[in-house]
Protein backbone atom coordinates (compact mmCIF):
# COMPACT_ATOMS: atom_id res chain seq x y z
CA MET A 1 -32.01 -2.56 4.98
CA ARG A 2 -33.83 -2.65 8.36
CA LEU A 3 -36.86 -0.57 9.32
CA ARG A 4 -36.77 0.49 12.97
CA VAL A 5 -40.22 0.20 14.68
CA TRP A 6 -41.53 2.47 17.39
CA PRO A 7 -44.49 0.66 19.02
CA GLY A 8 -47.85 1.90 20.21
CA ALA A 9 -48.84 5.55 20.29
CA LEU A 10 -45.35 6.70 19.28
CA ALA A 11 -45.52 5.05 15.85
CA ILE A 12 -45.95 7.52 12.97
CA LEU A 13 -46.19 7.24 9.23
CA VAL A 14 -42.93 7.14 7.26
CA ASN A 15 -41.91 10.62 6.21
CA ALA A 16 -39.30 11.02 3.46
CA THR A 17 -37.90 14.08 5.19
CA LEU A 18 -36.63 11.79 7.97
CA ALA A 19 -34.58 9.84 5.47
CA SER A 20 -31.53 12.08 5.26
CA CYS A 21 -28.16 10.88 6.52
CA SER A 22 -28.38 13.39 9.35
CA ASP A 23 -31.02 11.24 11.15
CA LYS A 24 -30.15 9.80 14.53
CA LEU A 25 -28.00 6.70 14.16
CA VAL A 26 -29.07 3.52 15.95
CA SER A 27 -27.22 0.50 17.26
CA PRO A 28 -27.12 -2.59 15.05
CA LYS A 29 -28.90 -4.32 17.96
CA ALA A 30 -32.18 -2.72 16.89
CA THR A 31 -35.62 -4.32 16.65
CA PRO A 32 -35.82 -6.78 13.72
CA PHE A 33 -37.81 -5.89 10.61
CA GLN A 34 -41.55 -6.36 11.15
CA PRO A 35 -43.65 -4.92 8.29
CA GLN A 36 -46.63 -2.91 9.53
CA ALA A 37 -48.45 0.26 8.59
CA SER A 38 -47.01 2.69 11.14
CA LEU A 39 -43.22 3.00 10.93
CA VAL A 40 -40.42 5.51 11.49
CA VAL A 41 -37.20 5.11 9.53
CA SER A 42 -33.73 5.64 11.00
CA THR A 43 -30.46 5.24 9.13
CA PRO A 44 -28.22 2.30 10.15
CA GLN A 45 -24.68 2.91 11.33
CA VAL A 46 -23.38 1.47 8.04
CA VAL A 47 -25.28 1.06 4.77
CA ILE A 48 -24.75 -0.85 1.54
CA SER A 49 -23.96 1.98 -0.87
CA GLN A 50 -23.22 0.13 -4.11
CA VAL A 51 -23.74 -3.35 -5.61
CA TYR A 52 -22.20 -4.59 -8.87
CA GLY A 53 -22.48 -8.14 -10.20
CA GLY A 54 -21.34 -7.71 -13.80
CA GLY A 55 -17.59 -7.81 -13.10
CA GLY A 56 -15.62 -9.84 -15.64
CA ASN A 57 -18.64 -10.33 -17.93
CA ALA A 58 -18.85 -9.42 -21.63
CA GLY A 59 -18.63 -5.65 -22.07
CA ALA A 60 -17.61 -5.02 -18.46
CA THR A 61 -14.79 -2.67 -17.57
CA TYR A 62 -14.04 -4.06 -14.12
CA ARG A 63 -12.88 -7.65 -13.71
CA ASN A 64 -14.51 -8.30 -10.33
CA ASP A 65 -17.95 -8.09 -8.77
CA PHE A 66 -18.04 -5.87 -5.68
CA ILE A 67 -20.12 -4.62 -2.77
CA GLU A 68 -19.48 -1.16 -1.34
CA LEU A 69 -20.33 0.03 2.19
CA PHE A 70 -20.64 3.59 3.52
CA ASN A 71 -20.66 5.14 7.01
CA PRO A 72 -23.21 8.00 7.00
CA GLY A 73 -22.70 8.80 10.67
CA SER A 74 -20.26 10.83 12.75
CA SER A 75 -18.33 8.04 14.51
CA PRO A 76 -16.10 5.18 13.31
CA VAL A 77 -17.72 1.74 13.21
CA ALA A 78 -15.65 -1.40 13.89
CA LEU A 79 -16.42 -4.10 11.31
CA ALA A 80 -14.52 -7.00 12.90
CA GLY A 81 -16.98 -9.88 13.30
CA TRP A 82 -19.31 -8.49 10.61
CA SER A 83 -19.87 -9.82 7.11
CA VAL A 84 -21.52 -9.11 3.78
CA GLN A 85 -23.55 -12.00 2.40
CA TYR A 86 -24.96 -12.74 -1.06
CA THR A 87 -27.57 -15.01 -2.58
CA SER A 88 -29.39 -15.20 -5.91
CA ALA A 89 -32.63 -13.36 -6.68
CA ALA A 90 -34.85 -16.04 -5.14
CA GLY A 91 -32.13 -17.81 -3.14
CA THR A 92 -32.24 -18.87 0.50
CA SER A 93 -28.61 -19.96 1.09
CA TRP A 94 -26.11 -17.16 1.67
CA GLY A 95 -22.40 -16.92 0.85
CA VAL A 96 -20.31 -15.11 3.49
CA THR A 97 -17.46 -12.60 3.13
CA ALA A 98 -15.96 -11.66 6.52
CA LEU A 99 -15.03 -8.03 7.19
CA THR A 100 -12.16 -6.57 9.20
CA GLY A 101 -10.98 -3.18 10.37
CA ALA A 102 -13.25 -0.15 10.72
CA ILE A 103 -15.14 2.27 8.51
CA GLN A 104 -14.63 5.96 9.26
CA PRO A 105 -17.38 8.62 9.36
CA GLY A 106 -18.19 9.57 5.78
CA GLY A 107 -15.91 6.79 4.59
CA TYR A 108 -16.34 3.97 2.08
CA TYR A 109 -15.35 0.29 2.35
CA LEU A 110 -14.83 -1.85 -0.76
CA VAL A 111 -15.55 -5.60 -0.70
CA GLN A 112 -14.13 -7.35 -3.76
CA GLU A 113 -15.96 -10.50 -4.86
CA ALA A 114 -15.47 -13.09 -7.64
CA VAL A 115 -13.46 -12.37 -10.78
CA GLY A 116 -14.71 -13.10 -14.31
CA ALA A 117 -12.96 -13.89 -17.58
CA GLY A 118 -13.69 -10.47 -19.11
CA GLY A 119 -13.10 -6.87 -18.12
CA THR A 120 -9.92 -4.86 -18.45
CA THR A 121 -9.54 -2.97 -15.16
CA ALA A 122 -8.77 -4.13 -11.64
CA LEU A 123 -10.77 -2.64 -8.78
CA PRO A 124 -9.13 -0.09 -6.48
CA ALA A 125 -7.40 -1.80 -3.55
CA PRO A 126 -10.19 -3.70 -1.75
CA ASP A 127 -10.70 -3.40 2.01
CA ALA A 128 -12.02 -6.99 2.16
CA THR A 129 -12.01 -9.85 -0.33
CA GLY A 130 -14.49 -12.66 -0.94
CA THR A 131 -15.35 -15.16 -3.65
CA SER A 132 -19.11 -14.74 -4.16
CA ALA A 133 -20.01 -14.90 -7.87
CA MET A 134 -22.82 -12.35 -8.00
CA ALA A 135 -25.40 -12.29 -10.77
CA ALA A 136 -25.24 -9.25 -13.00
CA GLY A 137 -28.95 -8.49 -13.25
CA ALA A 138 -30.59 -9.48 -9.97
CA GLY A 139 -29.62 -10.78 -6.56
CA LYS A 140 -29.66 -10.00 -2.84
CA VAL A 141 -26.96 -8.61 -0.55
CA ILE A 142 -27.11 -8.20 3.23
CA LEU A 143 -24.81 -6.57 5.77
CA VAL A 144 -24.71 -8.66 8.94
CA SER A 145 -23.17 -7.99 12.38
CA ALA A 146 -22.07 -11.64 12.47
CA THR A 147 -20.18 -14.08 10.26
CA THR A 148 -22.68 -16.94 10.46
CA ALA A 149 -24.38 -17.69 7.13
CA GLN A 150 -27.99 -16.52 7.21
CA ALA A 151 -30.97 -18.63 6.09
CA GLY A 152 -34.17 -17.94 4.20
CA ALA A 153 -35.11 -15.61 1.36
CA CYS A 154 -35.36 -12.54 3.65
CA PRO A 155 -33.37 -13.04 6.87
CA THR A 156 -34.52 -11.01 9.88
CA GLY A 157 -33.13 -10.26 13.31
CA ALA A 158 -31.05 -7.64 15.08
CA GLN A 159 -27.92 -8.88 13.28
CA ILE A 160 -29.25 -7.68 9.89
CA ILE A 161 -27.89 -4.14 9.50
CA ASP A 162 -28.87 -3.45 5.88
CA GLU A 163 -30.22 -5.33 2.86
CA VAL A 164 -30.43 -4.57 -0.86
CA SER A 165 -32.50 -6.63 -3.28
CA TYR A 166 -31.27 -5.59 -6.71
CA GLY A 167 -33.18 -6.37 -9.90
CA THR A 168 -36.95 -6.60 -10.19
CA THR A 169 -36.97 -10.43 -10.05
CA SER A 170 -35.38 -10.51 -6.60
CA SER A 171 -37.35 -11.21 -3.41
CA ASP A 172 -39.15 -8.09 -2.19
CA CYS A 173 -38.34 -8.28 1.52
CA GLY A 174 -40.74 -5.49 2.46
CA PHE A 175 -38.97 -2.48 0.90
CA HIS A 176 -39.17 -3.14 -2.87
CA THR A 177 -36.21 -3.79 -5.22
CA THR A 178 -33.85 -1.72 -7.31
CA THR A 179 -34.06 -1.64 -11.09
CA THR A 180 -32.54 -4.60 -12.95
CA LEU A 181 -28.81 -4.14 -13.57
CA THR A 182 -26.50 -5.15 -16.45
CA ASN A 183 -22.85 -6.00 -17.07
CA THR A 184 -22.13 -2.27 -17.26
CA THR A 185 -24.38 -0.86 -14.51
CA ALA A 186 -24.33 -0.96 -10.73
CA ALA A 187 -26.93 -0.05 -8.11
CA LEU A 188 -25.69 3.14 -6.40
CA ARG A 189 -27.26 4.62 -3.28
CA ASN A 190 -28.14 8.23 -4.07
CA ASN A 191 -26.36 11.28 -2.63
CA ASP A 192 -23.05 9.39 -2.50
CA GLY A 193 -24.50 6.93 0.03
CA CYS A 194 -26.54 9.29 2.21
CA ALA A 195 -30.05 8.59 0.80
CA TYR A 196 -32.11 6.39 3.11
CA THR A 197 -35.93 6.19 3.01
CA SER A 198 -36.33 2.37 3.33
CA ASP A 199 -37.64 2.32 -0.27
CA LEU A 200 -34.98 0.90 -2.60
CA THR A 201 -36.70 2.34 -5.66
CA VAL A 202 -36.17 5.81 -4.18
CA ASP A 203 -32.78 5.32 -2.55
CA PHE A 204 -30.95 3.67 -5.46
CA ALA A 205 -30.29 4.45 -9.11
CA ALA A 206 -28.51 2.43 -11.80
CA GLY A 207 -25.26 3.90 -13.11
CA ALA A 208 -21.77 3.07 -14.23
CA PRO A 209 -19.93 1.14 -11.51
CA THR A 210 -17.80 3.50 -9.41
CA PRO A 211 -15.98 1.46 -6.77
CA ARG A 212 -14.86 3.50 -3.74
CA ASN A 213 -12.57 2.23 -0.98
CA SER A 214 -11.28 3.50 2.35
CA ALA A 215 -8.81 5.77 0.54
CA THR A 216 -11.62 7.63 -1.27
CA ALA A 217 -12.33 11.17 -0.08
CA MET A 218 -14.82 11.35 2.79
CA HIS A 219 -18.40 12.42 2.08
CA SER A 220 -20.33 14.13 4.88
CA CYS A 221 -24.07 13.58 5.15
CA THR A 222 -24.46 16.42 7.64
CA VAL A 223 -26.85 19.11 6.48
CA VAL A 224 -25.43 22.53 7.38
CA VAL A 225 -27.91 25.35 7.95
CA LEU A 226 -26.15 28.57 6.98
CA GLY A 227 -26.61 31.79 8.91
CA SER A 228 -26.24 35.47 7.99
CA PRO A 229 -22.86 37.01 7.14
CA ALA A 230 -20.82 37.74 10.26
CA THR A 231 -17.30 38.06 8.81
CA VAL A 232 -15.95 39.49 5.55
CA VAL A 233 -12.45 39.04 4.13
CA ILE A 234 -11.08 40.79 1.01
CA THR A 235 -8.19 39.24 -0.91
CA PRO A 236 -5.69 40.58 -1.45
CA ASP A 237 -5.93 42.88 1.58
CA SER A 238 -3.32 45.21 0.09
CA ALA A 239 -1.81 45.63 -3.35
CA SER A 240 0.10 48.00 -5.59
CA ILE A 241 -0.99 48.74 -9.13
CA VAL A 242 0.38 51.09 -11.76
CA LEU A 243 -1.37 54.14 -13.12
CA ASN A 244 -4.27 52.92 -15.32
CA GLY A 245 -3.60 49.39 -14.11
CA MET A 246 -6.48 47.17 -12.97
CA LEU A 247 -6.85 44.45 -10.33
CA GLN A 248 -9.67 42.07 -9.35
CA LEU A 249 -10.44 42.06 -5.62
CA ASN A 250 -12.45 39.20 -4.14
CA ALA A 251 -14.60 39.23 -1.02
CA ALA A 252 -15.76 36.20 0.94
CA ALA A 253 -18.25 36.04 3.81
CA THR A 254 -18.77 33.48 6.57
CA ASP A 255 -21.51 33.13 9.18
CA SER A 256 -21.03 33.10 12.96
CA ALA A 257 -20.18 29.38 12.83
CA SER A 258 -17.46 30.04 10.20
CA HIS A 259 -19.46 28.40 7.40
CA PRO A 260 -18.62 29.93 3.98
CA LEU A 261 -21.49 31.84 2.36
CA PRO A 262 -20.87 31.55 -1.40
CA GLY A 263 -24.09 33.41 -2.22
CA ALA A 264 -23.24 36.55 -0.24
CA THR A 265 -23.40 39.85 -2.13
CA PHE A 266 -21.30 42.95 -1.51
CA THR A 267 -21.38 46.68 -2.10
CA TRP A 268 -17.96 47.99 -3.13
CA GLN A 269 -16.77 51.52 -2.32
CA SER A 270 -13.53 53.53 -2.70
CA SER A 271 -12.44 56.06 -0.09
CA ALA A 272 -10.76 58.09 -2.84
CA PRO A 273 -12.59 57.45 -6.14
CA THR A 274 -10.42 59.97 -8.02
CA ILE A 275 -7.35 57.88 -7.14
CA VAL A 276 -8.76 54.34 -7.31
CA SER A 277 -12.12 53.47 -8.84
CA VAL A 278 -13.93 50.20 -8.08
CA THR A 279 -16.71 48.46 -10.01
CA ALA A 280 -19.72 46.63 -8.59
CA ALA A 281 -17.77 43.41 -9.19
CA GLY A 282 -14.70 44.53 -7.19
CA VAL A 283 -12.40 45.48 -10.08
CA VAL A 284 -10.17 48.43 -9.12
CA LYS A 285 -8.35 50.81 -11.47
CA GLY A 286 -5.56 53.25 -10.68
CA LEU A 287 -6.55 56.76 -11.85
CA GLN A 288 -3.89 58.83 -10.05
CA THR A 289 -0.82 58.03 -7.97
CA GLY A 290 -1.63 57.67 -4.30
CA ASP A 291 -3.57 55.41 -1.91
CA ALA A 292 -7.20 54.46 -1.36
CA GLN A 293 -9.18 52.15 0.91
CA ILE A 294 -11.56 49.79 -0.86
CA THR A 295 -14.44 48.44 1.24
CA ALA A 296 -16.75 45.48 0.59
CA THR A 297 -19.94 45.55 2.69
CA THR A 298 -22.63 42.87 3.05
CA SER A 299 -26.34 43.62 3.02
CA ASN A 300 -26.43 43.34 6.84
CA GLY A 301 -23.54 45.76 7.35
CA PHE A 302 -20.43 43.59 7.85
CA ALA A 303 -17.38 44.81 5.94
CA ASP A 304 -13.67 44.48 5.26
CA THR A 305 -11.18 46.93 3.75
CA ALA A 306 -8.19 46.59 1.42
CA THR A 307 -5.49 49.18 0.76
CA ILE A 308 -4.59 49.92 -2.85
CA HIS A 309 -1.48 51.91 -3.73
CA VAL A 310 -1.12 53.41 -7.21
CA ASP A 311 2.41 53.85 -8.61
CA ALA A 312 3.56 55.72 -11.68
CA PRO A 313 4.32 53.06 -14.30
CA THR A 314 7.90 51.81 -14.43
CA THR A 315 9.14 51.11 -17.93
CA GLY A 316 12.08 49.04 -16.80
CA ASP A 317 13.77 47.35 -19.74
CA ILE A 318 11.02 45.19 -21.23
CA VAL A 319 11.39 44.26 -24.89
CA ILE A 320 9.58 42.23 -27.50
CA SER A 321 11.88 39.23 -27.86
CA GLN A 322 10.07 37.02 -30.40
CA ILE A 323 7.22 37.29 -32.92
CA TYR A 324 5.57 34.41 -34.76
CA GLY A 325 2.52 34.83 -37.01
CA GLY A 326 2.49 31.51 -38.87
CA GLY A 327 0.75 29.51 -36.13
CA GLY A 328 -1.87 27.11 -37.46
CA ASN A 329 -0.94 27.75 -41.11
CA ALA A 330 0.06 25.15 -43.68
CA GLY A 331 3.37 23.53 -42.74
CA ALA A 332 3.41 25.10 -39.27
CA THR A 333 4.37 23.09 -36.20
CA TYR A 334 2.65 25.29 -33.62
CA ILE A 335 -1.10 25.76 -33.60
CA ASN A 336 -1.07 29.38 -32.34
CA ASP A 337 0.56 32.69 -33.19
CA PHE A 338 2.50 34.21 -30.29
CA ILE A 339 4.40 37.25 -29.06
CA GLU A 340 7.17 36.84 -26.50
CA LEU A 341 8.40 39.50 -24.06
CA PHE A 342 11.65 39.62 -22.08
CA ASN A 343 12.94 41.62 -19.09
CA ARG A 344 16.53 42.41 -19.97
CA GLY A 345 16.90 44.68 -16.92
CA THR A 346 17.70 44.09 -13.26
CA THR A 347 14.38 44.92 -11.55
CA PRO A 348 10.90 43.35 -11.68
CA VAL A 349 8.29 45.23 -13.70
CA ASN A 350 4.55 45.19 -12.98
CA LEU A 351 2.78 44.68 -16.32
CA SER A 352 -0.74 45.41 -15.06
CA GLY A 353 -2.53 47.56 -17.63
CA TRP A 354 0.14 47.16 -20.31
CA THR A 355 -1.06 45.92 -23.69
CA VAL A 356 0.33 44.10 -26.72
CA GLN A 357 -1.14 45.44 -29.96
CA TYR A 358 -0.90 44.50 -33.65
CA ALA A 359 -1.39 46.14 -37.04
CA SER A 360 -0.82 44.76 -40.52
CA ALA A 361 2.36 45.76 -42.38
CA THR A 362 1.06 49.04 -43.88
CA ALA A 363 -1.97 49.77 -41.67
CA THR A 364 -2.56 53.02 -39.82
CA THR A 365 -5.02 51.56 -37.30
CA TRP A 366 -4.35 49.01 -34.57
CA THR A 367 -6.20 45.95 -33.30
CA ASN A 368 -9.63 46.59 -31.86
CA ALA A 369 -8.97 43.92 -29.21
CA PRO A 370 -5.45 44.44 -27.82
CA THR A 371 -4.13 41.79 -25.45
CA THR A 372 -4.03 43.17 -21.89
CA LEU A 373 -1.17 41.99 -19.70
CA SER A 374 -1.06 41.33 -15.97
CA GLY A 375 1.35 40.16 -13.31
CA THR A 376 5.04 40.92 -12.90
CA ILE A 377 7.92 40.03 -15.20
CA GLN A 378 11.08 39.25 -13.27
CA PRO A 379 14.60 40.19 -14.41
CA GLY A 380 15.94 37.72 -16.95
CA ARG A 381 12.54 36.11 -17.53
CA HIS A 382 10.29 35.74 -20.57
CA VAL A 383 6.53 36.12 -20.82
CA LEU A 384 4.63 34.16 -23.48
CA VAL A 385 1.56 35.84 -25.00
CA GLN A 386 -0.52 33.31 -26.92
CA GLU A 387 -2.59 34.73 -29.77
CA ALA A 388 -5.02 33.31 -32.36
CA ALA A 389 -5.05 29.66 -33.44
CA GLY A 390 -5.18 28.37 -37.00
CA SER A 391 -6.64 25.21 -38.47
CA ALA A 392 -3.27 23.51 -39.04
CA GLY A 393 -0.25 22.84 -36.86
CA THR A 394 0.24 19.89 -34.52
CA VAL A 395 1.82 21.23 -31.32
CA ALA A 396 0.31 23.43 -28.61
CA LEU A 397 2.42 26.24 -27.21
CA PRO A 398 3.98 25.88 -23.77
CA THR A 399 1.61 27.13 -21.06
CA PRO A 400 1.02 30.78 -21.98
CA ASP A 401 1.37 33.52 -19.36
CA VAL A 402 -1.24 35.63 -21.16
CA THR A 403 -3.83 34.68 -23.78
CA GLY A 404 -5.23 36.92 -26.53
CA SER A 405 -7.02 36.52 -29.83
CA ILE A 406 -4.98 38.56 -32.31
CA ALA A 407 -4.44 36.94 -35.72
CA LEU A 408 -0.93 38.03 -36.75
CA GLY A 409 0.25 38.09 -40.33
CA ALA A 410 2.65 35.24 -41.06
CA THR A 411 5.21 37.18 -43.12
CA ALA A 412 4.94 40.84 -42.11
CA GLY A 413 3.20 43.13 -39.61
CA LYS A 414 3.75 45.50 -36.70
CA VAL A 415 3.71 44.71 -32.98
CA LEU A 416 4.03 47.16 -30.11
CA LEU A 417 4.10 47.01 -26.33
CA ALA A 418 2.10 49.91 -24.85
CA GLN A 419 2.28 51.19 -21.28
CA PRO A 420 -0.88 51.85 -19.24
CA GLY A 421 -2.85 54.83 -20.52
CA ALA A 422 -0.97 55.09 -23.80
CA THR A 423 -3.03 56.23 -26.79
CA VAL A 424 -2.10 54.11 -29.80
CA THR A 425 -2.86 56.02 -33.02
CA GLY A 426 -1.23 56.44 -36.41
CA ALA A 427 0.91 54.10 -38.44
CA CYS A 428 4.02 54.24 -36.22
CA PRO A 429 3.23 55.48 -32.69
CA THR A 430 6.03 56.10 -30.18
CA ALA A 431 4.48 57.98 -27.23
CA GLY A 432 3.90 55.68 -24.26
CA ILE A 433 5.31 52.72 -26.20
CA ALA A 434 7.84 50.53 -24.34
CA ASP A 435 8.90 48.67 -27.48
CA HIS A 436 7.86 48.29 -31.13
CA VAL A 437 8.92 45.94 -33.90
CA GLY A 438 8.12 45.99 -37.60
CA TYR A 439 8.62 42.45 -38.89
CA GLY A 440 8.97 41.65 -42.58
CA THR A 441 10.50 44.03 -45.08
CA THR A 442 7.12 45.43 -46.17
CA ALA A 443 6.33 46.86 -42.70
CA ASN A 444 6.06 50.62 -43.12
CA CYS A 445 7.72 51.95 -39.92
CA ALA A 446 11.34 51.36 -40.90
CA ALA A 447 12.28 55.04 -40.62
CA GLU A 448 10.54 55.67 -37.29
CA TRP A 449 11.35 52.33 -35.63
CA GLY A 450 14.87 51.59 -36.82
CA GLY A 451 14.27 49.31 -39.77
CA THR A 452 12.46 45.96 -39.93
CA THR A 453 13.24 42.30 -39.46
CA GLU A 454 13.56 39.88 -42.35
CA THR A 455 10.35 38.61 -43.93
CA LEU A 456 9.03 35.62 -41.99
CA SER A 457 7.13 32.47 -43.02
CA ASN A 458 4.83 29.82 -41.59
CA THR A 459 7.90 28.08 -40.16
CA THR A 460 10.06 31.02 -39.03
CA ALA A 461 9.89 33.61 -36.25
CA ALA A 462 11.69 36.91 -35.59
CA PHE A 463 14.11 36.46 -32.65
CA ARG A 464 15.76 39.26 -30.69
CA LYS A 465 19.41 38.23 -30.56
CA ASN A 466 21.15 36.76 -27.53
CA ASP A 467 17.93 35.39 -25.98
CA GLY A 468 16.43 38.90 -25.91
CA CYS A 469 19.38 40.77 -24.42
CA VAL A 470 20.37 42.76 -27.53
CA ASN A 471 18.69 46.17 -27.90
CA THR A 472 20.54 48.74 -30.02
CA GLY A 473 17.37 50.48 -31.18
CA VAL A 474 17.91 49.26 -34.73
CA VAL A 475 15.42 46.46 -35.41
CA SER A 476 17.21 45.34 -38.56
CA ASN A 477 20.34 44.68 -36.47
CA ASP A 478 18.69 43.30 -33.31
CA PHE A 479 16.64 40.47 -34.84
CA VAL A 480 17.34 37.25 -36.72
CA GLN A 481 15.02 34.77 -38.42
CA LEU A 482 14.88 31.28 -36.85
CA SER A 483 12.46 28.42 -36.21
CA PRO A 484 9.89 29.44 -33.58
CA ASN A 485 10.89 28.62 -29.99
CA PRO A 486 8.22 29.95 -27.59
CA ARG A 487 9.49 30.68 -24.06
CA ASN A 488 7.28 31.36 -21.05
CA SER A 489 7.90 32.51 -17.48
CA ALA A 490 9.04 29.00 -16.51
CA TYR A 491 11.89 29.13 -19.05
CA ALA A 492 15.45 29.23 -17.71
CA LEU A 493 16.68 32.54 -16.30
CA ARG A 494 18.73 34.61 -18.75
CA ASN A 495 21.02 37.16 -17.11
CA CYS A 496 21.94 39.91 -19.58
CA THR A 497 24.44 41.62 -17.23
CA GLY A 498 27.20 39.02 -17.40
CA GLY A 499 28.20 35.45 -18.09
CA THR A 500 28.58 33.58 -21.35
CA ASP A 501 25.93 34.18 -23.95
CA ARG A 502 23.91 31.10 -24.75
CA PRO A 503 23.38 30.31 -28.46
CA GLN A 504 19.89 30.60 -29.92
């Protein structure tokens, strides 16, 4: 690590605020290190960003030692003719590893060194390879714009680009040393390589080795000063919801330089609040059929508008196609209960604002926390609604389309699918209900809902026949008892209008 000296009246005391990676970059042909009281620090074109000497030792994960470089600037730097060099904590003879290629702005460069007998993991693909056997606890590493081996405990000269003395027993070459390392810790330059104050005790911290190579994602050291909001964008900018359906709108602001402003706040307003209401968080709800403009405005007056259309709800032909309440119980395979829906019709149906609700077999009140649905169910597709988990079971459900917390009875209960705005009261409601199923012979809605399914168990579910296509209105005829087989929206299309029926 080289300190750049400004002579005479221009010399000023080191100021840590000049140490960021956004400082002016200098040529490697800078004035050699000359310790004195009045100094100004400038970041080299390339810095040593990580040093690890415990590779292949007892307890190590990685098999090799390594040295990592980082380009904190804004231009590529050619490394051909450069080298990294290593010597022991008090050593004066340096081992050379030649470099090739270039290091991109914000990019890393991994130099693999000697391998040990231990460790279990190879390094990521190195950008250069050497054979220096580095000490785990303390040593010295320099980055040199030449391939000639350096001499002395603390080499100086314009060719020395950066230097790291790691471990408290190493030579202090005028800028202190890092903490002592171990077989399982590396010296890492802070802020992903950007920190540079010329004080190694400030710039470096010990941590688990994290080798990064030229394929690692770039890290910019540029400090961006954000301005005031100048542009606002609402997503989505238009949408249709059903009566009593809800939708989350999101607003994002950028400044005049197109920098995102994640901390921007907005005031939300509806042009027709009796048709579409909007909360302070941008959640809209359809109160009547029609259209409304929803506006998000920043504190300095910039705004964007989205159009929301409210449709009367379309029932379509959505049915409850499977019910399983034994999830997580003794002997169960699946950890969760679930309810499965199916679109046996020919048109998509928007489920926004619909709910799945549950009551025990003879109850007259329904769940206090119904599961609210969202999205659209396409013709011939299933929707998987995951409910409460138990303490047993071994297999997670396929990725659910909706997640709730209802604990269903394993053997008997009542499940209904309610449209937006429906009031669910009484033992066996029917108004505003798209489908309802009493499962288990003790369910008390047999007369109103067309019978019940068979009694279930911890290992059986109620299946609507023919993959969900059968719907005669008589539950006792439409369902069979089988092992649970949860199907989500990614499950194969099932066309109920023709073709050969697939077996359960």
